[in-house]
Protein backbone atom coordinates (compact mmCIF):
# COMPACT_ATOMS: atom_id res chain seq x y z
CA MET A 1 -0.01 0.00 0.00
CA LYS A 2 1.42 3.37 -1.05
CA ASP A 3 1.36 6.20 1.43
CA TYR A 4 -1.54 8.55 1.10
CA ILE A 5 -3.95 10.83 2.99
CA VAL A 6 -7.72 10.68 2.86
CA ARG A 7 -9.75 13.82 3.62
CA ALA A 8 -13.39 13.49 4.54
CA THR A 9 -16.42 14.96 6.23
CA ALA A 10 -19.23 13.29 8.17
CA ALA A 11 -22.56 14.07 9.82
CA ASN A 12 -23.46 16.70 7.23
CA ALA A 13 -20.12 18.51 7.61
CA GLN A 14 -20.36 18.60 11.43
CA ILE A 15 -17.16 16.53 11.44
CA ARG A 16 -14.05 16.76 9.32
CA ALA A 17 -11.63 13.87 9.25
CA PHE A 18 -8.18 12.88 7.95
CA ALA A 19 -6.46 9.51 7.89
CA CYS A 20 -3.20 8.38 6.38
CA THR A 21 -0.86 5.48 5.88
CA ALA A 22 2.81 6.49 6.15
CA LYS A 23 4.86 3.26 6.24
CA GLY A 24 7.15 4.42 3.42
CA VAL A 25 7.58 7.89 4.97
CA ALA A 26 8.61 6.41 8.35
CA GLU A 27 10.95 3.87 6.70
CA GLU A 28 12.63 6.60 4.60
CA ALA A 29 13.18 8.65 7.76
CA ARG A 30 14.58 5.58 9.54
CA LYS A 31 17.07 4.93 6.75
CA ALA A 32 18.02 8.60 6.25
CA HIS A 33 18.89 9.11 9.89
CA ASN A 34 19.80 5.51 10.95
CA LEU A 35 17.15 5.65 13.66
CA SER A 36 16.72 3.29 16.59
CA PRO A 37 13.27 1.62 16.88
CA VAL A 38 11.91 4.00 19.55
CA VAL A 39 13.05 7.10 17.66
CA THR A 40 11.57 5.67 14.44
CA ALA A 41 8.27 5.32 16.29
CA ALA A 42 8.43 8.84 17.70
CA LEU A 43 9.45 10.54 14.45
CA GLY A 44 7.12 8.36 12.40
CA ARG A 45 4.16 9.46 14.51
CA LEU A 46 5.09 13.12 14.13
CA LEU A 47 5.64 12.71 10.38
CA SER A 48 2.16 11.20 10.01
CA ALA A 49 0.63 14.06 11.98
CA GLY A 50 2.63 16.62 9.98
CA ALA A 51 1.46 15.18 6.68
CA MET A 52 -2.20 15.34 7.74
CA MET A 53 -1.93 18.81 9.28
CA GLY A 54 -0.06 20.03 6.19
CA SER A 55 -2.99 18.89 4.06
CA MET A 56 -5.17 21.30 6.10
CA LEU A 57 -3.15 24.26 4.72
CA LYS A 58 -4.87 26.21 1.96
CA GLY A 59 -2.02 27.93 0.09
CA ASP A 60 0.27 26.19 -2.38
CA SER A 61 3.36 27.66 -0.68
CA ASP A 62 2.14 27.36 2.94
CA ILE A 63 4.48 25.46 5.24
CA LEU A 64 3.78 23.76 8.57
CA THR A 65 6.48 22.96 11.14
CA LEU A 66 5.92 20.76 14.20
CA GLN A 67 8.61 20.83 16.86
CA ILE A 68 8.74 18.84 20.06
CA LYS A 69 11.32 19.73 22.70
CA GLY A 70 11.54 17.51 25.75
CA ASP A 71 13.81 16.52 28.59
CA GLY A 72 13.90 12.90 27.42
CA PRO A 73 16.93 11.36 25.68
CA VAL A 74 15.69 12.16 22.12
CA ARG A 75 15.69 15.89 23.14
CA ALA A 76 13.86 17.23 20.11
CA LEU A 77 11.91 16.22 17.02
CA THR A 78 11.28 18.53 14.03
CA VAL A 79 8.89 17.87 11.13
CA THR A 80 8.05 20.15 8.19
CA ALA A 81 5.20 19.59 5.74
CA ASP A 82 3.55 21.41 2.85
CA SER A 83 -0.01 21.34 1.51
CA HIS A 84 0.84 18.77 -1.18
CA GLY A 85 1.68 15.75 0.98
CA ASN A 86 5.44 16.35 1.13
CA VAL A 87 6.88 15.86 4.60
CA LYS A 88 10.34 15.58 6.16
CA GLY A 89 11.79 15.48 9.65
CA TYR A 90 14.64 14.66 11.94
CA PRO A 91 15.39 13.97 15.65
CA GLU A 92 18.11 15.65 17.65
CA VAL A 93 19.35 12.26 18.95
CA PRO A 94 18.69 9.40 16.48
CA ASP A 95 20.02 6.36 18.34
CA VAL A 96 18.15 6.34 21.66
CA ILE A 97 17.62 2.85 23.13
CA LEU A 98 15.06 2.39 25.92
CA PRO A 99 13.39 -0.65 27.51
CA ALA A 100 9.74 -1.27 26.63
CA ASN A 101 7.12 0.62 28.60
CA ALA A 102 4.65 -0.92 31.05
CA ALA A 103 2.40 -2.01 28.17
CA GLY A 104 5.31 -3.77 26.47
CA LYS A 105 5.43 -1.19 23.66
CA LEU A 106 8.17 1.14 22.42
CA ASP A 107 8.49 3.87 25.06
CA VAL A 108 7.92 6.96 22.89
CA GLY A 109 6.76 8.98 25.91
CA GLY A 110 9.92 8.09 27.81
CA SER A 111 12.11 9.07 24.85
CA VAL A 112 10.45 12.48 24.57
CA GLY A 113 9.88 13.28 28.27
CA LYS A 114 8.35 16.52 29.51
CA GLY A 115 8.52 19.68 27.45
CA SER A 116 6.63 21.61 24.79
CA LEU A 117 4.99 21.22 21.38
CA SER A 118 5.20 24.09 18.92
CA VAL A 119 3.11 24.38 15.75
CA ILE A 120 4.40 26.97 13.29
CA LYS A 121 2.40 27.88 10.18
CA ASP A 122 4.14 30.00 7.55
CA LEU A 123 1.22 31.28 5.50
CA GLY A 124 3.18 33.88 3.51
CA LEU A 125 2.23 36.67 5.92
CA LYS A 126 4.64 39.05 7.65
CA GLU A 127 4.92 36.81 10.71
CA PRO A 128 4.21 33.06 10.92
CA TYR A 129 1.49 31.77 13.23
CA VAL A 130 3.01 30.06 16.27
CA GLY A 131 1.04 27.95 18.76
CA GLN A 132 2.70 26.30 21.73
CA THR A 133 1.45 23.95 24.43
CA LEU A 134 3.01 21.82 27.14
CA LEU A 135 3.42 18.15 26.38
CA GLN A 136 0.79 16.06 28.13
CA THR A 137 2.23 12.55 27.74
CA GLY A 138 5.05 12.73 25.19
CA GLU A 139 3.19 10.08 23.19
CA ILE A 140 2.49 12.75 20.51
CA ALA A 141 -1.13 11.88 19.59
CA GLU A 142 -2.44 12.99 22.98
CA ASP A 143 -0.22 16.06 22.86
CA LEU A 144 -1.68 17.10 19.50
CA THR A 145 -5.21 16.44 20.75
CA TYR A 146 -4.49 18.85 23.61
CA TYR A 147 -2.91 21.39 21.22
CA PHE A 148 -5.96 21.49 18.96
CA ALA A 149 -8.30 21.96 21.93
CA THR A 150 -6.30 24.68 23.66
CA SER A 151 -4.51 26.61 20.87
CA GLU A 152 -7.03 26.29 18.04
CA GLN A 153 -10.19 25.66 20.09
CA VAL A 154 -11.10 22.71 17.90
CA PRO A 155 -12.21 19.57 19.79
CA SER A 156 -10.25 16.78 18.14
CA SER A 157 -9.21 13.16 18.46
CA VAL A 158 -5.77 12.27 17.15
CA GLY A 159 -4.50 8.71 16.75
CA LEU A 160 -0.96 7.90 15.57
CA GLY A 161 1.08 4.73 15.41
CA VAL A 162 4.21 3.04 14.12
CA LEU A 163 4.71 -0.73 14.26
CA MET A 164 8.17 -2.17 13.78
CA GLU A 165 9.24 -5.48 12.26
CA ARG A 166 11.61 -7.78 14.16
CA ASN A 167 14.45 -6.63 11.90
CA ASN A 168 13.71 -3.03 12.99
CA THR A 169 12.27 -1.87 9.67
CA VAL A 170 8.85 -0.23 9.64
CA LYS A 171 5.91 -2.63 9.33
CA GLN A 172 3.05 -0.13 9.61
CA ALA A 173 2.69 3.62 10.20
CA GLY A 174 -0.13 6.12 9.96
CA GLY A 175 -2.85 7.90 11.85
CA PHE A 176 -6.05 9.86 11.91
CA ILE A 177 -7.35 13.26 12.99
CA ILE A 178 -11.09 13.70 13.69
CA GLN A 179 -12.35 17.21 14.40
CA LEU A 180 -15.75 18.57 15.52
CA MET A 181 -17.07 21.73 13.92
CA PRO A 182 -18.48 24.43 16.27
CA PHE A 183 -22.08 23.59 15.26
CA ALA A 184 -21.78 19.84 15.98
CA GLU A 185 -24.92 18.53 17.68
CA ASP A 186 -24.80 16.63 20.98
CA ALA A 187 -26.13 13.45 19.40
CA ILE A 188 -23.32 13.49 16.84
CA ILE A 189 -20.69 14.09 19.56
CA ASP A 190 -22.10 11.21 21.60
CA ARG A 191 -22.00 8.80 18.67
CA LEU A 192 -18.44 9.79 17.80
CA GLU A 193 -17.31 9.27 21.38
CA GLN A 194 -18.99 5.88 21.39
CA ASN A 195 -17.19 4.91 18.17
CA LEU A 196 -13.82 6.07 19.48
CA LYS A 197 -14.20 3.96 22.61
CA GLY A 198 -14.57 0.85 20.49
CA ILE A 199 -11.47 1.48 18.39
CA SER A 200 -8.21 -0.31 19.01
CA SER A 201 -4.86 1.28 18.19
CA VAL A 202 -3.94 2.79 14.82
CA THR A 203 -1.30 0.10 14.31
CA SER A 204 -3.83 -2.65 15.05
CA MET A 205 -6.19 -1.22 12.41
CA LEU A 206 -3.37 -0.91 9.85
CA ASP A 207 -1.95 -4.33 10.64
CA ALA A 208 -5.42 -5.85 10.12
CA GLY A 209 -5.20 -4.55 6.56
CA ASN A 210 -7.42 -1.47 6.92
CA SER A 211 -6.81 1.34 4.45
CA PRO A 212 -7.17 4.99 5.54
CA GLU A 213 -10.74 4.93 4.08
CA GLN A 214 -11.56 1.84 6.10
CA MET A 215 -10.12 3.38 9.27
CA LEU A 216 -12.45 6.35 8.80
CA GLU A 217 -15.38 3.99 8.18
CA LEU A 218 -14.70 2.39 11.57
CA LEU A 219 -14.16 5.70 13.35
CA LEU A 220 -17.21 7.36 11.80
CA GLU A 221 -19.61 4.42 11.61
CA GLY A 222 -23.22 5.61 11.46
CA LEU A 223 -22.18 9.21 10.78
CA GLU A 224 -22.55 9.33 6.98
CA LEU A 225 -18.90 9.45 6.01
CA GLN A 226 -18.14 11.36 2.79
CA ILE A 227 -14.67 11.00 1.31
CA THR A 228 -13.76 14.35 -0.29
CA ASP A 229 -10.34 13.55 -1.77
CA THR A 230 -7.08 11.64 -1.46
CA MET A 231 -3.48 12.82 -1.67
CA PRO A 232 -0.17 10.94 -1.98
CA VAL A 233 2.34 11.33 0.87
CA ALA A 234 6.10 11.15 0.53
CA PHE A 235 9.24 11.84 2.58
CA THR A 236 10.63 14.63 0.42
CA CYS A 237 13.54 16.99 1.03
CA ASP A 238 14.02 20.00 -1.18
CA CYS A 239 17.63 20.68 -0.15
CA CYS A 240 20.08 21.40 -2.96
CA ARG A 241 23.61 22.73 -3.39
CA GLU A 242 22.38 26.24 -4.20
CA LYS A 243 20.48 26.42 -0.90
CA ILE A 244 23.52 25.19 1.05
CA GLU A 245 25.64 27.84 -0.68
CA LYS A 246 23.19 30.51 0.47
CA VAL A 247 23.43 29.21 4.04
CA LEU A 248 27.24 29.38 3.91
CA ILE A 249 27.16 32.93 2.47
CA SER A 250 24.76 33.95 5.24
CA LEU A 251 27.48 33.03 7.79
CA GLY A 252 29.38 36.10 6.66
CA ALA A 253 32.73 36.91 5.05
CA GLU A 254 34.76 36.52 8.26
CA GLU A 255 33.44 33.01 8.96
CA LEU A 256 34.13 31.96 5.37
CA LYS A 257 37.62 33.47 5.56
CA ASP A 258 38.37 31.34 8.63
CA MET A 259 37.24 28.22 6.74
CA ILE A 260 39.48 29.15 3.77
CA ASN A 261 42.48 29.78 6.02
CA GLU A 262 42.16 26.24 7.43
CA GLY A 263 42.88 25.01 3.92
CA LYS A 264 40.56 22.04 4.15
CA GLU A 265 37.50 20.83 2.33
CA ILE A 266 34.34 21.22 4.41
CA GLU A 267 31.23 19.02 4.47
CA VAL A 268 27.71 20.23 5.24
CA ASN A 269 24.95 17.72 6.05
CA CYS A 270 21.24 18.44 5.54
CA SER A 271 19.47 17.94 8.90
CA PHE A 272 16.28 16.67 7.23
CA CYS A 273 17.63 14.03 4.83
CA SER A 274 21.30 13.63 5.84
CA LYS A 275 22.52 14.35 2.28
CA ARG A 276 26.14 15.55 2.29
CA TYR A 277 27.48 18.53 0.38
CA LYS A 278 31.26 19.07 0.06
CA PHE A 279 33.02 22.35 -0.71
CA ASP A 280 36.72 22.60 -1.49
CA VAL A 281 38.86 25.67 -0.77
CA ASP A 282 38.38 27.14 -4.26
CA GLU A 283 34.62 26.86 -3.95
CA LEU A 284 34.78 28.51 -0.50
CA LYS A 285 36.81 31.35 -2.00
CA ALA A 286 34.11 31.87 -4.63
CA LEU A 287 31.45 31.99 -1.91
CA TYR A 288 33.62 34.46 0.04
CA GLU A 289 33.70 36.81 -2.97
CA ARG A 290 29.90 36.59 -3.24
CA SER A 291 29.51 37.39 0.50
CA ARG A 292 31.46 40.65 0.37
């Protein structure tokens, strides 16, 4: 199954819903950053959320950034997504190893710890929108549920999951976001809550072979689900040599001069995809001339 997002409404537009499968996205991230299983699970969850939240953006050039900073060993997770299903991300510490939690699952909450969640939306305005909340569990789905309720005043239910194979590759990944509109009737809310209580984990639904459409059918049973569209999702990084050159020039002439004086080739790694860019002394000299 290729990665994709489904967007939908239900209950005569009293509910809007998103669901995705993101196995390939999570696996690409694992390979790009050589992630441990628990960090794959943590970043994979945030990538799934970022892809779905990115699909909520209206402008072609709008960008969403999710950043988690915690006191756990992973320290920080950063994910960026656009409105076209392109998503990328990285952890501050990629190789965290922790024992399983009390439920026998990968301890994502323990890897993240206590801290904050920031949601940054660059909508092409003078200043980006920034919403920030305290982490509630570090498990990410609950933290985003809390964010939507407190920062955007949108009652929501967020489910996210990553299931690993025994060889530590990604077996399943994905999630859902269900949101109530302000005019949602009590009977609709009650039915949705009843449905949610009967749902197992995201990974259980995916591992049972359910597509994003079928997940929404389970979540929104009896609520007249209407699929509005689907969108492919991919781990995509838009880094390039030209962008890295601009970053180096932005360091300033003095910094570049110091690099030149060392007489060595330098290597710059992209944080999002780990691609390496090398610059020899002559190339640094050319950048120095452009920086003056």
